[in-house]
Amino acid sequence: MREQELRFQSEDGALPFRQHTEEGGKGSCSYPATDGMFGTILGVYREYLVSADGRWLARQWPKIVKAMDFCLATWDSDHDGVLSGQQHNTLDGKLGGSTSWLGSLYLAALRAMERMAIEMDDKERAEYYAAIAAKGSAKQATTLFNGEYYQQKLDSNKANWYRDHGHMNPKELAPALVDGMNYDNGCLTDQLLGQWWADQLNLGAIYPRGDEKIALANLFKNNFILKFSEKDSPLWTSADQPGMVACTWPKGIAPEFKGKKMIGYSGCVLAGLEYAAAAAMIRAGLLKEGFTVVKAVSDRYDGRLKSPFHKSAWGYGGNPFGDDESGKYYARSQSAWSLLLAGQGFIYDGPLARIGFKPVWQPDDHFLQVFPQKNPFRRAF
């Protein structure tokens, strides 16, 4: 899959956020998504970790360097570790300025690049990525955390706010979409998505762990809803069932955003986002909150409660084998597997022949999952 992603890389290093149907073909989504770019870099590092050595990584390395070069030139030209400018994302919109959602992904990707550069025996490049990541972690931590959760910090120059949505012509937009789809002081379910990645790849803390735990506790408080009203029932659930919505505004939407279209899918319940947030909560020691979210998703997809199939691709059907988002069997819901890794505190490094467990769930009486593996390990920790 990583090779397929990299196959369509453009000369400047960008990766299309949706792949072309054929070699050289161009589609309406041939431009990059910021979270997609960082996700590809992190995915390459993950595949390296589950391989036996660095041979596969060596073949991908030139393209990965090129991809990160594009990210730096496009969204962090001053190399301060903080994103700015137009950032298209896979919530089908463009936002601007600095966010912990995309910013933490960026910092995790930089740390992954550092680790891969070390494997490629490129000390100078490793130090370069590490320096940017260190600056970014410090700056983002102080500018994005509002004492309760991480929010967006918009670009000060309004000319950088986004005039288009997806590939649509700006002249065709309704006024509500002009200036992009931001969330400002909103509480976003994906606000610590980069930390979710970093924990799985053993990349360390992106922001201070204490602030992270506070943010995740308030995320549960603000975004987890036990019962929706019929009026406010979001996509992909029903009014009588609990769920975590993608974004809320506990402090109220700022006056300048009244009547504007905010970040995409903000009022929706997306199982893939819920699983990732729950795994982050579990890693942070918020077991009750994390497992509550997981149980809510599980209850929504109890096949005895709903018809397992639905006539519409966008409808909520309750099929326990196909969590609904923007279609059936949506890939994002595979984030459910991260719950197992979170509960076990699992880390893995194939090239170094290391495997480790630091369970947060029942650490004194924890059943370690048995799984097949190709090569024996020389040491464990």
Protein backbone atom coordinates (compact mmCIF):
# COMPACT_ATOMS: atom_id res chain seq x y z
CA MET A 1 0.00 0.00 0.00
CA ARG A 2 2.82 2.41 0.75
CA GLU A 3 4.41 1.71 -2.60
CA GLN A 4 1.08 2.34 -4.29
CA GLU A 5 0.79 5.70 -2.52
CA LEU A 6 4.29 6.72 -3.54
CA ARG A 7 3.78 5.58 -7.11
CA PHE A 8 1.85 8.74 -7.97
CA GLN A 9 4.21 11.23 -6.35
CA SER A 10 4.62 14.43 -8.37
CA GLU A 11 7.95 16.04 -9.21
CA ASP A 12 7.71 18.48 -6.31
CA GLY A 13 7.17 15.63 -3.84
CA ALA A 14 3.42 16.01 -3.35
CA LEU A 15 1.22 12.94 -3.03
CA PRO A 16 -2.40 13.03 -4.26
CA PHE A 17 -4.82 12.47 -1.43
CA ARG A 18 -6.81 10.16 -3.69
CA GLN A 19 -4.96 7.91 -6.06
CA HIS A 20 -5.37 8.17 -9.80
CA THR A 21 -7.17 5.41 -11.65
CA GLU A 22 -4.23 4.79 -13.92
CA GLU A 23 -0.59 5.71 -14.36
CA GLY A 24 -0.31 9.37 -15.24
CA GLY A 25 -4.02 9.97 -14.90
CA LYS A 26 -5.30 13.09 -13.20
CA GLY A 27 -8.41 13.26 -11.11
CA SER A 28 -10.27 16.01 -9.31
CA CYS A 29 -8.44 15.12 -6.08
CA SER A 30 -4.90 15.04 -7.43
CA TYR A 31 -3.67 17.68 -4.96
CA PRO A 32 -2.23 16.70 -1.56
CA ALA A 33 -4.01 16.55 1.78
CA THR A 34 -1.87 17.69 4.69
CA ASP A 35 -2.88 14.85 6.99
CA GLY A 36 -2.51 12.41 4.10
CA MET A 37 1.09 13.51 3.47
CA PHE A 38 2.09 13.05 7.10
CA GLY A 39 0.13 9.80 7.33
CA THR A 40 2.08 8.34 4.41
CA ILE A 41 5.40 9.22 6.03
CA LEU A 42 4.31 7.66 9.32
CA GLY A 43 2.99 4.63 7.46
CA VAL A 44 6.36 4.07 5.80
CA TYR A 45 8.06 4.19 9.19
CA ARG A 46 5.55 1.70 10.56
CA GLU A 47 6.18 -0.72 7.69
CA TYR A 48 9.91 -0.38 8.33
CA LEU A 49 9.37 -1.28 11.99
CA VAL A 50 7.50 -4.46 11.10
CA SER A 51 10.14 -5.53 8.57
CA ALA A 52 13.27 -7.52 9.29
CA ASP A 53 15.81 -4.92 8.15
CA GLY A 54 16.20 -1.61 6.32
CA ARG A 55 16.30 -2.88 2.73
CA TRP A 56 12.68 -2.00 1.92
CA LEU A 57 13.07 1.41 3.57
CA ALA A 58 16.19 2.14 1.52
CA ARG A 59 14.15 1.77 -1.68
CA GLN A 60 11.45 4.17 -0.45
CA TRP A 61 13.76 6.65 1.25
CA PRO A 62 14.36 9.06 -1.68
CA LYS A 63 10.61 9.49 -2.20
CA ILE A 64 9.97 9.98 1.51
CA VAL A 65 12.64 12.67 1.72
CA LYS A 66 11.05 14.34 -1.27
CA ALA A 67 7.63 14.17 0.39
CA MET A 68 8.89 15.80 3.58
CA ASP A 69 10.73 18.44 1.55
CA PHE A 70 7.37 19.31 -0.03
CA CYS A 71 5.74 19.56 3.41
CA LEU A 72 8.45 21.86 4.70
CA ALA A 73 8.39 24.11 1.65
CA THR A 74 4.60 24.30 1.56
CA TRP A 75 3.52 24.51 5.20
CA ASP A 76 6.63 25.32 7.28
CA SER A 77 9.00 27.38 5.17
CA ASP A 78 10.55 29.06 8.24
CA HIS A 79 11.24 25.64 9.82
CA ASP A 80 9.83 26.56 13.22
CA GLY A 81 7.88 23.31 13.48
CA VAL A 82 4.51 25.09 13.20
CA LEU A 83 2.24 24.80 10.16
CA SER A 84 0.81 27.82 8.34
CA GLY A 85 -0.92 28.61 5.08
CA GLN A 86 -3.56 26.65 3.21
CA GLN A 87 -3.95 23.06 4.42
CA HIS A 88 -6.36 20.85 2.58
CA ASN A 89 -7.34 17.85 4.69
CA THR A 90 -9.34 14.66 4.47
CA LEU A 91 -12.31 16.21 6.25
CA ASP A 92 -12.98 17.63 2.79
CA GLY A 93 -12.01 21.22 3.37
CA LYS A 94 -9.18 23.67 3.87
CA LEU A 95 -8.18 25.25 7.12
CA GLY A 96 -5.38 27.57 8.07
CA GLY A 97 -2.89 28.45 10.74
CA SER A 98 -1.69 26.09 13.44
CA THR A 99 -3.68 23.16 14.85
CA SER A 100 -2.71 20.31 17.12
CA TRP A 101 -4.60 17.95 14.81
CA LEU A 102 -2.35 18.50 11.80
CA GLY A 103 0.52 19.94 13.84
CA SER A 104 0.94 16.87 16.04
CA LEU A 105 0.86 14.70 12.91
CA TYR A 106 3.63 16.89 11.48
CA LEU A 107 5.78 16.55 14.60
CA ALA A 108 5.28 12.78 14.68
CA ALA A 109 6.26 12.60 10.99
CA LEU A 110 9.40 14.66 11.67
CA ARG A 111 10.41 12.29 14.45
CA ALA A 112 9.79 9.33 12.17
CA MET A 113 11.97 11.00 9.53
CA GLU A 114 14.71 11.41 12.12
CA ARG A 115 14.58 7.71 12.99
CA MET A 116 14.58 6.68 9.34
CA ALA A 117 17.48 9.02 8.56
CA ILE A 118 19.50 7.34 11.31
CA GLU A 119 18.75 3.96 9.73
CA MET A 120 19.88 5.39 6.37
CA ASP A 121 23.12 6.58 8.02
CA ASP A 122 22.30 10.23 7.27
CA LYS A 123 23.29 11.94 10.51
CA GLU A 124 23.00 15.47 9.14
CA ARG A 125 19.44 14.97 7.93
CA ALA A 126 18.46 13.25 11.18
CA GLU A 127 19.69 16.24 13.21
CA TYR A 128 17.87 18.61 10.84
CA TYR A 129 14.52 16.89 11.37
CA ALA A 130 15.07 16.56 15.12
CA ALA A 131 15.78 20.27 15.50
CA ILE A 132 12.58 21.29 13.70
CA ALA A 133 10.54 18.81 15.73
CA ALA A 134 11.95 20.09 19.02
CA LYS A 135 11.12 23.71 18.15
CA GLY A 136 7.67 22.75 16.99
CA SER A 137 6.81 20.73 20.08
CA ALA A 138 7.73 23.61 22.37
CA LYS A 139 5.95 26.28 20.32
CA GLN A 140 2.79 24.30 19.63
CA ALA A 141 2.48 23.26 23.27
CA THR A 142 2.45 26.88 24.45
CA THR A 143 0.32 28.39 21.67
CA LEU A 144 -2.38 25.76 21.18
CA PHE A 145 -3.25 24.50 24.67
CA ASN A 146 -5.88 26.76 26.25
CA GLY A 147 -5.73 25.12 29.67
CA GLU A 148 -8.55 22.70 28.85
CA TYR A 149 -7.83 21.33 25.37
CA TYR A 150 -5.91 22.10 22.18
CA GLN A 151 -7.50 24.54 19.75
CA GLN A 152 -6.69 26.20 16.43
CA LYS A 153 -4.54 29.32 16.11
CA LEU A 154 -5.44 31.04 12.86
CA ASP A 155 -2.93 32.78 10.63
CA SER A 156 -2.71 36.46 11.56
CA ASN A 157 -2.79 37.45 7.88
CA LYS A 158 -6.37 36.97 6.72
CA ALA A 159 -5.12 36.74 3.15
CA ASN A 160 -3.97 33.25 4.09
CA TRP A 161 -7.49 32.14 5.02
CA TYR A 162 -8.83 29.77 2.46
CA ARG A 163 -10.88 30.85 -0.47
CA ASP A 164 -11.86 27.50 -1.87
CA HIS A 165 -13.21 24.15 -0.80
CA GLY A 166 -11.82 21.00 -2.33
CA HIS A 167 -11.40 21.45 -6.07
CA MET A 168 -14.37 23.80 -6.47
CA ASN A 169 -14.01 27.16 -8.15
CA PRO A 170 -14.09 29.87 -5.44
CA LYS A 171 -16.60 31.85 -7.53
CA GLU A 172 -19.04 28.95 -7.20
CA LEU A 173 -18.93 28.91 -3.41
CA ALA A 174 -21.68 29.96 -1.10
CA PRO A 175 -20.62 32.81 1.23
CA ALA A 176 -20.55 30.41 4.17
CA LEU A 177 -17.57 28.58 2.64
CA VAL A 178 -15.43 31.62 1.89
CA ASP A 179 -12.38 31.74 4.20
CA GLY A 180 -12.23 27.97 4.48
CA MET A 181 -13.49 25.50 7.06
CA ASN A 182 -11.81 26.22 10.39
CA TYR A 183 -12.67 25.31 13.97
CA ASP A 184 -10.98 28.15 15.92
CA ASN A 185 -11.65 27.53 19.63
CA GLY A 186 -13.46 24.25 19.00
CA CYS A 187 -12.72 21.01 20.80
CA LEU A 188 -11.76 18.54 18.05
CA THR A 189 -11.90 14.78 18.56
CA ASP A 190 -8.72 14.42 16.45
CA GLN A 191 -6.81 17.09 18.38
CA LEU A 192 -4.12 14.60 19.46
CA LEU A 193 -4.05 12.37 16.39
CA GLY A 194 -0.28 12.78 16.04
CA GLN A 195 0.20 11.52 19.58
CA TRP A 196 -1.98 8.52 18.75
CA TRP A 197 0.47 7.73 15.93
CA ALA A 198 3.54 8.52 18.06
CA ASP A 199 2.50 6.13 20.82
CA GLN A 200 2.04 3.28 18.37
CA LEU A 201 5.46 3.92 16.82
CA ASN A 202 7.28 4.59 20.12
CA LEU A 203 8.15 8.16 19.10
CA GLY A 204 7.65 9.72 22.53
CA ALA A 205 5.51 12.57 23.81
CA ILE A 206 4.58 15.29 21.31
CA TYR A 207 3.31 17.70 23.98
CA PRO A 208 3.59 17.58 27.80
CA ARG A 209 1.87 14.43 29.03
CA GLY A 210 0.03 16.29 31.77
CA ASP A 211 -1.57 18.69 29.27
CA GLU A 212 -2.38 15.77 26.99
CA LYS A 213 -4.29 13.99 29.76
CA ILE A 214 -6.22 17.16 30.65
CA ALA A 215 -7.13 17.67 26.98
CA LEU A 216 -8.33 14.10 26.54
CA ALA A 217 -10.41 14.26 29.74
CA ASN A 218 -12.08 17.44 28.50
CA LEU A 219 -12.52 15.94 25.05
CA PHE A 220 -14.60 13.20 26.65
CA LYS A 221 -16.50 15.77 28.73
CA ASN A 222 -17.25 18.04 25.77
CA ASN A 223 -17.74 15.67 22.84
CA PHE A 224 -19.17 12.43 24.24
CA ILE A 225 -22.95 12.60 24.24
CA LEU A 226 -25.04 9.96 26.00
CA LYS A 227 -28.23 10.64 24.09
CA PHE A 228 -28.89 12.88 21.11
CA SER A 229 -32.19 14.60 20.54
CA GLU A 230 -34.16 13.81 17.40
CA LYS A 231 -33.41 17.34 16.23
CA ASP A 232 -29.66 17.04 16.72
CA SER A 233 -29.16 13.39 15.77
CA PRO A 234 -25.94 13.35 13.71
CA LEU A 235 -24.93 11.28 10.73
CA TRP A 236 -24.03 7.62 11.35
CA THR A 237 -25.95 7.11 14.55
CA SER A 238 -29.50 7.44 15.81
CA ALA A 239 -30.91 9.83 18.38
CA ASP A 240 -31.28 7.23 21.13
CA GLN A 241 -27.64 6.10 21.06
CA PRO A 242 -24.46 7.61 22.54
CA GLY A 243 -21.45 8.76 20.56
CA MET A 244 -18.59 11.21 20.30
CA VAL A 245 -19.09 14.02 17.80
CA ALA A 246 -16.15 15.25 15.75
CA CYS A 247 -16.08 18.81 17.10
CA THR A 248 -17.86 20.93 19.69
CA TRP A 249 -17.57 24.57 20.76
CA PRO A 250 -17.87 24.57 24.56
CA LYS A 251 -16.83 28.23 24.69
CA GLY A 252 -19.21 29.21 21.89
CA ILE A 253 -18.42 30.03 18.28
CA ALA A 254 -16.64 33.37 17.91
CA PRO A 255 -18.69 36.17 16.30
CA GLU A 256 -16.50 36.30 13.17
CA PHE A 257 -17.46 32.70 12.41
CA LYS A 258 -21.22 33.12 12.76
CA GLY A 259 -22.85 31.95 9.55
CA LYS A 260 -19.65 30.36 8.28
CA LYS A 261 -19.20 26.72 7.43
CA MET A 262 -16.97 25.29 10.14
CA ILE A 263 -14.74 22.23 9.86
CA GLY A 264 -16.26 19.36 7.92
CA TYR A 265 -18.32 16.66 9.66
CA SER A 266 -18.16 18.56 12.96
CA GLY A 267 -21.57 17.35 14.08
CA CYS A 268 -21.09 13.79 12.90
CA VAL A 269 -20.25 10.63 14.81
CA LEU A 270 -17.40 8.83 13.02
CA ALA A 271 -16.36 5.49 14.47
CA GLY A 272 -12.79 5.76 13.15
CA LEU A 273 -12.24 9.01 15.04
CA GLU A 274 -13.88 7.58 18.16
CA TYR A 275 -11.62 4.51 18.18
CA ALA A 276 -8.46 6.62 17.84
CA ALA A 277 -9.53 9.06 20.57
CA ALA A 278 -10.44 6.14 22.85
CA ALA A 279 -7.04 4.54 22.29
CA ALA A 280 -5.33 7.84 23.14
CA MET A 281 -7.40 8.06 26.33
CA ILE A 282 -6.44 4.53 27.31
CA ARG A 283 -2.74 5.26 26.69
CA ALA A 284 -3.07 8.35 28.90
CA GLY A 285 -4.55 6.31 31.74
CA LEU A 286 -8.15 7.45 31.19
CA LEU A 287 -9.42 3.89 31.01
CA LYS A 288 -13.00 4.56 32.09
CA GLU A 289 -13.43 7.27 29.48
CA GLY A 290 -11.74 5.29 26.72
CA PHE A 291 -13.70 2.11 27.32
CA THR A 292 -16.95 4.09 27.58
CA VAL A 293 -16.39 5.43 24.08
CA VAL A 294 -15.57 1.95 22.77
CA LYS A 295 -18.69 0.46 24.32
CA ALA A 296 -20.81 3.17 22.73
CA VAL A 297 -19.47 2.28 19.28
CA SER A 298 -19.92 -1.43 19.97
CA ASP A 299 -23.52 -0.91 21.05
CA ARG A 300 -24.29 1.10 17.92
CA TYR A 301 -23.03 -1.75 15.76
CA ASP A 302 -24.84 -4.59 17.50
CA GLY A 303 -26.33 -6.46 14.56
CA ARG A 304 -29.36 -7.45 16.64
CA LEU A 305 -30.45 -3.82 16.93
CA LYS A 306 -30.27 -2.70 13.32
CA SER A 307 -30.60 -4.15 9.87
CA PRO A 308 -27.09 -5.30 8.89
CA PHE A 309 -27.35 -3.65 5.50
CA HIS A 310 -28.80 -0.35 4.40
CA LYS A 311 -30.07 0.70 0.99
CA SER A 312 -28.08 3.93 0.99
CA ALA A 313 -24.29 4.13 1.16
CA TRP A 314 -24.69 7.08 3.53
CA GLY A 315 -27.23 5.58 5.88
CA TYR A 316 -26.64 4.16 9.32
CA GLY A 317 -27.23 0.44 9.22
CA GLY A 318 -25.62 -0.92 12.38
CA ASN A 319 -23.72 -3.68 10.56
CA PRO A 320 -21.19 -4.96 13.13
CA PHE A 321 -18.72 -5.76 10.35
CA GLY A 322 -18.87 -2.43 8.53
CA ASP A 323 -18.83 0.75 10.63
CA ASP A 324 -20.55 3.53 8.71
CA GLU A 325 -18.88 6.77 7.73
CA SER A 326 -18.87 8.29 4.24
CA GLY A 327 -19.82 4.89 2.88
CA LYS A 328 -19.82 1.30 4.02
CA TYR A 329 -16.77 -0.60 5.34
CA TYR A 330 -14.88 2.67 5.73
CA ALA A 331 -11.12 2.24 6.14
CA ARG A 332 -10.76 4.75 8.97
CA SER A 333 -12.58 2.39 11.33
CA GLN A 334 -9.62 0.02 11.22
CA SER A 335 -8.21 2.35 13.88
CA ALA A 336 -10.06 -0.04 16.22
CA TRP A 337 -6.95 -2.26 16.12
CA SER A 338 -5.03 0.48 17.94
CA LEU A 339 -7.12 -0.25 21.03
CA LEU A 340 -5.35 -3.58 21.41
CA LEU A 341 -1.95 -1.89 21.12
CA ALA A 342 -2.98 0.80 23.61
CA GLY A 343 -4.21 -1.67 26.20
CA GLN A 344 -1.01 -3.69 25.94
CA GLY A 345 1.39 -0.75 25.64
CA PHE A 346 2.79 -2.66 22.70
CA ILE A 347 5.95 -1.60 20.87
CA TYR A 348 7.77 -3.42 18.11
CA ASP A 349 11.01 -2.91 16.21
CA GLY A 350 11.73 -5.68 13.73
CA PRO A 351 15.14 -4.44 12.48
CA LEU A 352 16.38 -4.22 16.09
CA ALA A 353 14.61 -7.49 17.00
CA ARG A 354 12.77 -5.85 19.89
CA ILE A 355 9.29 -6.32 21.24
CA GLY A 356 7.89 -4.71 24.36
CA PHE A 357 4.75 -4.45 26.49
CA LYS A 358 3.75 -1.86 29.07
CA PRO A 359 0.08 -2.64 29.71
CA VAL A 360 -2.13 0.10 31.13
CA TRP A 361 -5.13 -2.20 31.37
CA GLN A 362 -4.83 -4.64 34.31
CA PRO A 363 -1.02 -4.30 34.39
CA ASP A 364 -0.69 -6.76 37.30
CA ASP A 365 -2.86 -9.39 35.68
CA HIS A 366 -2.62 -8.75 31.98
CA PHE A 367 -3.10 -11.42 29.37
CA LEU A 368 -0.63 -10.82 26.56
CA GLN A 369 -2.07 -11.46 23.14
CA VAL A 370 -0.46 -14.38 21.35
CA PHE A 371 0.32 -13.65 17.73
CA PRO A 372 2.42 -15.29 15.01
CA GLN A 373 5.77 -13.79 14.09
CA LYS A 374 8.25 -14.61 11.39
CA ASN A 375 11.58 -14.19 13.15
CA PRO A 376 12.62 -14.98 16.73
CA PHE A 377 13.72 -12.02 18.85
CA ARG A 378 17.12 -11.74 20.42
CA ARG A 379 15.96 -9.53 23.28
CA ALA A 380 12.79 -8.12 24.75
CA PHE A 381 12.08 -5.21 27.06
